[in-house]
Amino acid sequence: MNKRVRYTVFAVTLLAGSALAPNSRAQNGKLRMPGGKPVAAPAPGLAPARISAAALDKKTSAGESFFIVASVDQSKSQFLLKRPTEVTLLVTVNANTQYLDDSGKPLKSTDFRAGDTVWLTSSGGDEPTAARIRKGQMTVAELHHDYLDYPEIK
């Protein structure tokens, strides 16, 4: 499968999980708890959350987090990265940042484009700096383990 097809399968799988969640919005625009008590509704256009809170900053044993490149700003030395949960992270890159392909061969920052899937190792809290950005795909098993609340369908 080529990269575009794999990315499409990944996106459809992720979106299917949230689309299948039951719609609990009442006709008056408010959500109701099982006991009937109304609660605040989420912002318009947001699907019900089916992604675990622990998945928001899920890291592999190597300390890597999975992202989709939203944009690359070479002039500011910044990558805008998006988690599969649609949460974005702005990371700074510097001369010490390593860029690798999925087989571990060196790349340049100019080799990255919007839509690429990457694994990030970073340092810093509020303003993270990328230590390593590695191009690579997420397997379906990793997707289910890290981001979805139901097991992989075999």
Protein backbone atom coordinates (compact mmCIF):
# COMPACT_ATOMS: atom_id res chain seq x y z
CA MET A 1 0.00 0.00 0.00
CA ASN A 2 1.30 3.47 -0.75
CA LYS A 3 1.52 6.21 1.88
CA ARG A 4 -1.60 8.06 0.77
CA VAL A 5 -3.73 4.90 1.00
CA ARG A 6 -2.29 4.02 4.42
CA TYR A 7 -2.96 7.54 5.69
CA THR A 8 -6.53 7.40 4.36
CA VAL A 9 -7.13 4.04 6.04
CA PHE A 10 -5.70 5.45 9.28
CA ALA A 11 -7.89 8.56 9.13
CA VAL A 12 -11.04 6.60 8.27
CA THR A 13 -10.39 4.14 11.10
CA LEU A 14 -9.90 6.95 13.58
CA LEU A 15 -12.96 8.85 12.42
CA ALA A 16 -15.13 5.74 12.33
CA GLY A 17 -14.58 5.24 16.05
CA SER A 18 -15.95 8.68 16.91
CA ALA A 19 -18.74 8.53 14.31
CA LEU A 20 -20.10 5.32 15.81
CA ALA A 21 -20.44 6.83 19.28
CA PRO A 22 -24.07 7.25 20.31
CA ASN A 23 -25.43 10.77 19.92
CA SER A 24 -26.64 11.84 23.34
CA ARG A 25 -27.54 15.44 22.40
CA ALA A 26 -31.11 16.26 23.36
CA GLN A 27 -33.36 18.28 21.04
CA ASN A 28 -32.77 21.43 23.07
CA GLY A 29 -29.02 21.26 22.34
CA LYS A 30 -28.02 20.09 25.81
CA LEU A 31 -26.51 16.80 26.80
CA ARG A 32 -28.19 14.72 29.47
CA MET A 33 -26.60 12.35 31.91
CA PRO A 34 -28.20 8.91 32.30
CA GLY A 35 -30.28 10.22 35.24
CA GLY A 36 -31.72 12.98 33.03
CA LYS A 37 -29.69 15.85 34.51
CA PRO A 38 -28.59 18.31 31.77
CA VAL A 39 -24.88 19.11 31.31
CA ALA A 40 -23.06 21.60 29.09
CA ALA A 41 -22.83 20.60 25.45
CA PRO A 42 -19.47 20.51 23.64
CA ALA A 43 -18.61 23.11 21.05
CA PRO A 44 -20.58 22.75 17.80
CA GLY A 45 -19.07 20.31 15.32
CA LEU A 46 -17.20 18.24 17.89
CA ALA A 47 -17.87 14.53 17.88
CA PRO A 48 -18.34 12.70 21.17
CA ALA A 49 -14.96 11.81 22.66
CA ARG A 50 -13.99 8.16 22.46
CA ILE A 51 -10.27 8.65 22.96
CA SER A 52 -8.80 7.96 26.35
CA ALA A 53 -7.18 10.78 28.32
CA ALA A 54 -3.96 8.77 28.59
CA ALA A 55 -3.72 8.74 24.79
CA LEU A 56 -3.33 12.51 24.64
CA ASP A 57 0.37 12.22 25.46
CA LYS A 58 1.01 8.55 24.74
CA LYS A 59 4.68 7.70 24.24
CA THR A 60 6.41 4.53 23.13
CA SER A 61 9.06 2.84 25.23
CA ALA A 62 11.59 4.86 23.19
CA GLY A 63 9.90 8.09 24.32
CA GLU A 64 8.33 8.83 20.93
CA SER A 65 4.87 10.33 20.35
CA PHE A 66 2.92 9.95 17.10
CA PHE A 67 1.91 13.02 15.08
CA ILE A 68 0.79 14.13 11.64
CA VAL A 69 2.71 17.09 10.22
CA ALA A 70 0.28 20.00 9.82
CA SER A 71 2.87 22.49 8.55
CA VAL A 72 6.59 23.21 8.49
CA ASP A 73 7.87 26.79 8.89
CA GLN A 74 11.53 26.75 7.85
CA SER A 75 11.98 30.49 8.53
CA LYS A 76 10.93 30.14 12.19
CA SER A 77 12.42 26.64 12.62
CA GLN A 78 9.06 25.26 13.73
CA PHE A 79 6.91 22.24 13.00
CA LEU A 80 3.17 22.36 13.70
CA LEU A 81 2.23 18.79 14.54
CA LYS A 82 -1.23 17.29 15.03
CA ARG A 83 -2.09 14.29 17.15
CA PRO A 84 -4.67 11.81 15.83
CA THR A 85 -6.98 13.45 18.38
CA GLU A 86 -6.74 16.75 16.40
CA VAL A 87 -4.78 18.43 19.23
CA THR A 88 -1.85 20.41 17.85
CA LEU A 89 1.66 20.95 19.18
CA LEU A 90 4.12 23.59 17.99
CA VAL A 91 7.71 22.35 18.31
CA THR A 92 10.92 24.20 17.65
CA VAL A 93 13.74 22.52 15.76
CA ASN A 94 17.41 23.45 15.99
CA ALA A 95 20.82 22.34 14.76
CA ASN A 96 20.75 19.40 17.23
CA THR A 97 17.45 18.00 15.93
CA GLN A 98 17.84 14.65 14.15
CA TYR A 99 15.63 13.90 11.15
CA LEU A 100 15.24 10.24 10.16
CA ASP A 101 13.20 8.20 7.71
CA ASP A 102 11.34 5.03 8.74
CA SER A 103 14.45 2.91 8.21
CA GLY A 104 16.70 5.21 10.30
CA LYS A 105 18.48 6.99 7.42
CA PRO A 106 19.16 10.71 7.91
CA LEU A 107 16.87 13.31 6.34
CA LYS A 108 16.72 17.12 6.27
CA SER A 109 13.94 19.31 7.65
CA THR A 110 13.05 20.20 4.04
CA ASP A 111 12.12 16.53 3.45
CA PHE A 112 9.01 16.88 5.65
CA ARG A 113 5.64 18.00 4.25
CA ALA A 114 2.13 18.48 5.59
CA GLY A 115 0.42 15.11 5.88
CA ASP A 116 3.58 13.15 6.71
CA THR A 117 3.22 10.92 9.75
CA VAL A 118 6.07 11.21 12.24
CA TRP A 119 7.28 10.00 15.61
CA LEU A 120 8.61 12.82 17.81
CA THR A 121 11.06 12.79 20.69
CA SER A 122 11.18 16.19 22.36
CA SER A 123 12.40 18.02 25.41
CA GLY A 124 10.87 20.95 27.25
CA GLY A 125 7.38 21.50 28.58
CA ASP A 126 5.45 24.57 27.41
CA GLU A 127 7.75 25.27 24.45
CA PRO A 128 9.09 21.87 23.35
CA THR A 129 12.21 21.44 21.24
CA ALA A 130 12.43 18.44 18.94
CA ALA A 131 15.34 16.13 19.67
CA ARG A 132 14.37 13.67 16.92
CA ILE A 133 11.68 13.58 14.24
CA ARG A 134 11.32 10.21 12.54
CA LYS A 135 9.04 9.63 9.55
CA GLY A 136 6.98 6.50 10.04
CA GLN A 137 3.54 4.95 9.92
CA MET A 138 1.39 3.78 12.81
CA THR A 139 0.14 0.23 12.57
CA VAL A 140 -3.51 -0.60 13.09
CA ALA A 141 -2.57 -2.52 16.25
CA GLU A 142 -0.75 0.55 17.64
CA LEU A 143 -3.72 2.75 16.75
CA HIS A 144 -6.13 0.56 18.70
CA HIS A 145 -3.77 0.09 21.64
CA ASP A 146 -2.93 3.77 22.02
CA TYR A 147 -5.92 5.75 20.78
CA LEU A 148 -9.15 3.77 20.48
CA ASP A 149 -11.25 2.31 23.27
CA TYR A 150 -12.10 -0.94 21.52
CA PRO A 151 -9.93 -3.88 20.43
CA GLU A 152 -8.73 -4.39 16.89
CA ILE A 153 -11.27 -6.23 14.74
CA LYS A 154 -9.59 -9.21 13.12
